[in-house]
N, C-alpha and C. Protein backbone atom coordinates (compact mmCIF):
# COMPACT_ATOMS: atom_id res chain seq x y z
N MET A 1 23.73 26.60 -9.03
CA MET A 1 22.43 26.06 -9.43
C MET A 1 21.43 26.39 -8.32
N SER A 2 20.22 26.75 -8.71
CA SER A 2 19.22 27.15 -7.72
C SER A 2 18.66 25.91 -7.01
N GLU A 3 18.15 26.15 -5.83
CA GLU A 3 17.65 25.05 -5.00
C GLU A 3 16.47 24.31 -5.63
N PRO A 4 15.47 24.97 -6.23
CA PRO A 4 14.38 24.22 -6.87
C PRO A 4 14.86 23.29 -7.99
N ILE A 5 15.87 23.72 -8.73
CA ILE A 5 16.40 22.87 -9.81
C ILE A 5 17.06 21.63 -9.22
N VAL A 6 17.77 21.80 -8.10
CA VAL A 6 18.40 20.65 -7.44
C VAL A 6 17.34 19.66 -6.98
N TRP A 7 16.27 20.16 -6.35
CA TRP A 7 15.20 19.27 -5.87
C TRP A 7 14.49 18.58 -7.02
N LEU A 8 14.27 19.30 -8.11
CA LEU A 8 13.64 18.70 -9.28
C LEU A 8 14.52 17.62 -9.88
N THR A 9 15.82 17.86 -9.93
CA THR A 9 16.76 16.86 -10.45
C THR A 9 16.76 15.60 -9.58
N ILE A 10 16.76 15.78 -8.28
CA ILE A 10 16.72 14.63 -7.37
C ILE A 10 15.42 13.85 -7.56
N PHE A 11 14.31 14.57 -7.71
CA PHE A 11 13.02 13.90 -7.90
C PHE A 11 13.00 13.10 -9.19
N VAL A 12 13.46 13.68 -10.27
CA VAL A 12 13.45 12.99 -11.57
C VAL A 12 14.36 11.77 -11.52
N LEU A 13 15.54 11.91 -10.94
CA LEU A 13 16.44 10.76 -10.83
C LEU A 13 15.85 9.66 -9.96
N SER A 14 15.16 10.03 -8.88
CA SER A 14 14.55 9.01 -8.02
C SER A 14 13.41 8.29 -8.74
N VAL A 15 12.68 8.99 -9.61
CA VAL A 15 11.64 8.34 -10.40
C VAL A 15 12.26 7.30 -11.33
N PHE A 16 13.33 7.67 -12.01
CA PHE A 16 13.99 6.72 -12.91
C PHE A 16 14.54 5.51 -12.16
N VAL A 17 15.16 5.74 -11.01
CA VAL A 17 15.69 4.63 -10.20
C VAL A 17 14.54 3.74 -9.72
N GLY A 18 13.45 4.33 -9.28
CA GLY A 18 12.29 3.56 -8.82
C GLY A 18 11.71 2.70 -9.92
N ILE A 19 11.59 3.24 -11.11
CA ILE A 19 11.06 2.46 -12.24
C ILE A 19 11.98 1.29 -12.56
N GLU A 20 13.28 1.53 -12.56
CA GLU A 20 14.23 0.46 -12.85
C GLU A 20 14.19 -0.65 -11.79
N VAL A 21 14.11 -0.25 -10.53
CA VAL A 21 14.10 -1.25 -9.45
C VAL A 21 12.81 -2.07 -9.50
N ILE A 22 11.67 -1.43 -9.64
CA ILE A 22 10.39 -2.14 -9.63
C ILE A 22 10.25 -3.03 -10.86
N SER A 23 10.75 -2.59 -12.00
CA SER A 23 10.61 -3.41 -13.21
C SER A 23 11.45 -4.68 -13.16
N LYS A 24 12.47 -4.71 -12.32
CA LYS A 24 13.34 -5.89 -12.21
C LYS A 24 12.83 -6.91 -11.19
N VAL A 25 11.78 -6.60 -10.46
CA VAL A 25 11.26 -7.50 -9.43
C VAL A 25 10.42 -8.59 -10.09
N SER A 26 10.67 -9.84 -9.72
CA SER A 26 9.87 -10.94 -10.28
C SER A 26 8.46 -10.90 -9.70
N SER A 27 7.54 -11.51 -10.40
CA SER A 27 6.13 -11.43 -9.98
C SER A 27 5.88 -12.15 -8.66
N THR A 28 6.72 -13.13 -8.28
CA THR A 28 6.51 -13.83 -7.02
C THR A 28 6.87 -12.97 -5.81
N LEU A 29 7.60 -11.90 -6.02
CA LEU A 29 7.98 -11.04 -4.90
C LEU A 29 7.08 -9.83 -4.73
N HIS A 30 6.13 -9.62 -5.62
CA HIS A 30 5.30 -8.43 -5.52
C HIS A 30 4.45 -8.41 -4.26
N THR A 31 3.91 -9.56 -3.83
CA THR A 31 3.07 -9.59 -2.63
C THR A 31 3.85 -9.20 -1.38
N PRO A 32 5.04 -9.80 -1.12
CA PRO A 32 5.79 -9.37 0.06
C PRO A 32 6.23 -7.90 -0.01
N LEU A 33 6.59 -7.43 -1.20
CA LEU A 33 6.97 -6.03 -1.32
C LEU A 33 5.80 -5.11 -1.07
N MET A 34 4.61 -5.50 -1.54
CA MET A 34 3.43 -4.68 -1.31
C MET A 34 3.09 -4.65 0.18
N SER A 35 3.24 -5.76 0.87
CA SER A 35 2.97 -5.79 2.31
C SER A 35 3.93 -4.88 3.06
N GLY A 36 5.20 -4.93 2.67
CA GLY A 36 6.18 -4.06 3.30
C GLY A 36 5.90 -2.59 3.02
N ALA A 37 5.50 -2.28 1.80
CA ALA A 37 5.18 -0.90 1.45
C ALA A 37 3.97 -0.41 2.24
N ASN A 38 2.99 -1.28 2.45
CA ASN A 38 1.83 -0.89 3.25
C ASN A 38 2.20 -0.62 4.69
N ALA A 39 3.11 -1.42 5.24
CA ALA A 39 3.55 -1.19 6.62
C ALA A 39 4.29 0.14 6.74
N ILE A 40 5.15 0.43 5.77
CA ILE A 40 5.86 1.71 5.78
C ILE A 40 4.88 2.86 5.62
N HIS A 41 3.87 2.66 4.77
CA HIS A 41 2.88 3.70 4.55
C HIS A 41 2.09 3.98 5.83
N GLY A 42 1.89 2.97 6.66
CA GLY A 42 1.23 3.18 7.95
C GLY A 42 2.03 4.09 8.85
N VAL A 43 3.35 3.94 8.84
CA VAL A 43 4.21 4.81 9.65
C VAL A 43 4.16 6.24 9.11
N ILE A 44 4.17 6.37 7.79
CA ILE A 44 4.09 7.69 7.17
C ILE A 44 2.75 8.35 7.49
N LEU A 45 1.69 7.56 7.48
CA LEU A 45 0.37 8.10 7.81
C LEU A 45 0.33 8.60 9.24
N LEU A 46 0.94 7.87 10.15
CA LEU A 46 1.00 8.31 11.55
C LEU A 46 1.76 9.64 11.67
N GLY A 47 2.85 9.76 10.95
CA GLY A 47 3.60 11.02 10.94
C GLY A 47 2.78 12.17 10.39
N ALA A 48 2.00 11.89 9.33
CA ALA A 48 1.15 12.93 8.75
C ALA A 48 0.07 13.38 9.74
N ILE A 49 -0.43 12.45 10.51
CA ILE A 49 -1.44 12.81 11.53
C ILE A 49 -0.81 13.71 12.59
N ILE A 50 0.39 13.38 13.00
CA ILE A 50 1.06 14.19 14.03
C ILE A 50 1.36 15.59 13.50
N VAL A 51 1.84 15.67 12.26
CA VAL A 51 2.15 16.98 11.68
C VAL A 51 0.88 17.81 11.48
N THR A 52 -0.19 17.18 11.01
CA THR A 52 -1.43 17.90 10.78
C THR A 52 -2.05 18.38 12.09
N ALA A 53 -1.78 17.70 13.18
CA ALA A 53 -2.32 18.12 14.47
C ALA A 53 -1.80 19.50 14.88
N HIS A 54 -0.65 19.89 14.37
CA HIS A 54 -0.06 21.19 14.71
C HIS A 54 -0.25 22.23 13.62
N ALA A 55 -1.04 21.91 12.59
CA ALA A 55 -1.23 22.83 11.46
C ALA A 55 -2.41 23.77 11.73
N HIS A 56 -2.42 24.88 11.00
CA HIS A 56 -3.50 25.86 11.12
C HIS A 56 -3.90 26.34 9.73
N GLY A 57 -5.15 26.73 9.57
CA GLY A 57 -5.61 27.34 8.32
C GLY A 57 -5.66 26.37 7.15
N VAL A 58 -5.14 26.82 6.03
CA VAL A 58 -5.17 26.03 4.80
C VAL A 58 -4.33 24.76 4.95
N ALA A 59 -3.23 24.83 5.68
CA ALA A 59 -2.37 23.66 5.88
C ALA A 59 -3.14 22.55 6.60
N LEU A 60 -4.04 22.92 7.49
CA LEU A 60 -4.85 21.93 8.19
C LEU A 60 -5.78 21.20 7.22
N VAL A 61 -6.41 21.96 6.33
CA VAL A 61 -7.33 21.36 5.36
C VAL A 61 -6.56 20.44 4.41
N VAL A 62 -5.43 20.91 3.91
CA VAL A 62 -4.62 20.09 3.01
C VAL A 62 -4.13 18.84 3.74
N GLY A 63 -3.73 18.98 4.99
CA GLY A 63 -3.28 17.84 5.77
C GLY A 63 -4.38 16.81 5.98
N LEU A 64 -5.59 17.27 6.26
CA LEU A 64 -6.71 16.35 6.46
C LEU A 64 -7.05 15.60 5.17
N VAL A 65 -7.03 16.31 4.05
CA VAL A 65 -7.29 15.65 2.76
C VAL A 65 -6.20 14.62 2.48
N ALA A 66 -4.96 14.98 2.77
CA ALA A 66 -3.84 14.05 2.55
C ALA A 66 -3.97 12.82 3.44
N ILE A 67 -4.41 13.01 4.67
CA ILE A 67 -4.58 11.88 5.59
C ILE A 67 -5.68 10.94 5.09
N VAL A 68 -6.79 11.50 4.63
CA VAL A 68 -7.88 10.66 4.13
C VAL A 68 -7.43 9.87 2.90
N LEU A 69 -6.77 10.54 1.96
CA LEU A 69 -6.31 9.84 0.76
C LEU A 69 -5.26 8.78 1.09
N ALA A 70 -4.36 9.08 2.02
CA ALA A 70 -3.33 8.12 2.40
C ALA A 70 -3.95 6.92 3.11
N ALA A 71 -4.96 7.16 3.93
CA ALA A 71 -5.63 6.05 4.62
C ALA A 71 -6.36 5.15 3.63
N VAL A 72 -7.03 5.76 2.65
CA VAL A 72 -7.71 4.96 1.61
C VAL A 72 -6.69 4.14 0.83
N ASN A 73 -5.57 4.75 0.50
CA ASN A 73 -4.51 4.05 -0.23
C ASN A 73 -3.96 2.88 0.58
N MET A 74 -3.73 3.10 1.86
CA MET A 74 -3.17 2.04 2.70
C MET A 74 -4.15 0.88 2.87
N VAL A 75 -5.40 1.19 3.14
CA VAL A 75 -6.41 0.13 3.30
C VAL A 75 -6.59 -0.63 1.99
N GLY A 76 -6.63 0.09 0.88
CA GLY A 76 -6.74 -0.56 -0.42
C GLY A 76 -5.56 -1.47 -0.70
N GLY A 77 -4.38 -1.04 -0.30
CA GLY A 77 -3.19 -1.88 -0.48
C GLY A 77 -3.28 -3.17 0.32
N PHE A 78 -3.78 -3.09 1.55
CA PHE A 78 -3.94 -4.30 2.35
C PHE A 78 -5.01 -5.22 1.76
N VAL A 79 -6.07 -4.65 1.21
CA VAL A 79 -7.11 -5.46 0.58
C VAL A 79 -6.55 -6.20 -0.63
N VAL A 80 -5.79 -5.49 -1.45
CA VAL A 80 -5.19 -6.12 -2.64
C VAL A 80 -4.20 -7.20 -2.22
N THR A 81 -3.40 -6.92 -1.19
CA THR A 81 -2.45 -7.91 -0.70
C THR A 81 -3.18 -9.16 -0.20
N ASP A 82 -4.27 -8.97 0.52
CA ASP A 82 -5.04 -10.11 1.02
C ASP A 82 -5.60 -10.93 -0.14
N ARG A 83 -6.10 -10.28 -1.16
CA ARG A 83 -6.64 -11.01 -2.31
C ARG A 83 -5.54 -11.77 -3.04
N MET A 84 -4.35 -11.17 -3.10
CA MET A 84 -3.23 -11.86 -3.76
C MET A 84 -2.81 -13.08 -2.95
N LEU A 85 -2.80 -12.95 -1.62
CA LEU A 85 -2.42 -14.08 -0.78
C LEU A 85 -3.46 -15.20 -0.85
N GLN A 86 -4.73 -14.86 -1.06
CA GLN A 86 -5.77 -15.89 -1.19
C GLN A 86 -5.57 -16.74 -2.44
N MET A 87 -4.88 -16.21 -3.43
CA MET A 87 -4.61 -16.99 -4.65
C MET A 87 -3.67 -18.15 -4.36
N PHE A 88 -2.86 -18.05 -3.29
CA PHE A 88 -1.89 -19.08 -2.99
C PHE A 88 -2.37 -20.11 -1.97
N THR A 89 -3.59 -19.97 -1.44
CA THR A 89 -4.10 -20.93 -0.48
C THR A 89 -4.85 -22.04 -1.20
N ARG A 90 -4.80 -23.22 -0.62
CA ARG A 90 -5.51 -24.36 -1.21
C ARG A 90 -6.96 -24.30 -0.78
N ARG A 91 -7.81 -24.56 -1.73
CA ARG A 91 -9.24 -24.59 -1.43
C ARG A 91 -9.62 -25.99 -0.99
N LYS A 92 -10.50 -26.05 0.01
CA LYS A 92 -10.98 -27.34 0.47
C LYS A 92 -12.01 -27.87 -0.53
N PRO A 93 -11.94 -29.16 -0.84
CA PRO A 93 -12.94 -29.70 -1.77
C PRO A 93 -14.33 -29.67 -1.12
N PRO A 94 -15.37 -29.44 -1.90
CA PRO A 94 -16.72 -29.41 -1.33
C PRO A 94 -17.12 -30.77 -0.79
N LYS A 95 -17.84 -30.75 0.33
CA LYS A 95 -18.28 -32.00 0.94
C LYS A 95 -19.44 -32.57 0.15
N SER A 96 -19.42 -33.89 0.01
CA SER A 96 -20.54 -34.53 -0.68
C SER A 96 -21.69 -34.72 0.31
N ALA A 97 -22.83 -35.12 -0.19
CA ALA A 97 -24.02 -35.26 0.66
C ALA A 97 -23.82 -36.37 1.69
N SER A 98 -23.09 -37.44 1.36
CA SER A 98 -22.87 -38.52 2.31
C SER A 98 -21.93 -38.13 3.43
N GLU A 99 -20.98 -37.23 3.15
CA GLU A 99 -20.02 -36.80 4.18
C GLU A 99 -20.63 -35.77 5.13
N SER A 100 -21.60 -35.01 4.68
CA SER A 100 -22.15 -33.95 5.50
C SER A 100 -23.12 -34.47 6.56
N GLY A 101 -23.47 -35.73 6.50
CA GLY A 101 -24.35 -36.32 7.50
C GLY A 101 -25.83 -36.18 7.18
N ALA A 102 -26.15 -35.80 5.99
CA ALA A 102 -27.55 -35.65 5.59
C ALA A 102 -28.03 -36.96 4.98
N ALA A 103 -28.47 -37.87 5.84
CA ALA A 103 -28.97 -39.16 5.34
C ALA A 103 -30.43 -39.03 4.94
N ALA A 104 -30.77 -39.64 3.85
CA ALA A 104 -32.15 -39.54 3.36
C ALA A 104 -33.03 -40.59 3.92
């Protein structure tokens, strides 16, 4: 079997395994999993920066575009995670006029 076919088979199988694993995760675990994925993505982004530093020509341009897109993805993931975590915090009740010290 040729090498590209082997890599394509591995990729397709990993997609199916990923879909099965993610679909079985309960909704209460999505926030911690997303935080972990963002942390891993930060390490991957650092590796991409190091690899792109040694690239030349077209590879440099592709690497820079990949770094920008990966950084946007990582920051967006942290923003979404923060918004999800805010759903679980208790809101303080608004202070009434008598409690705020504004006497008439």
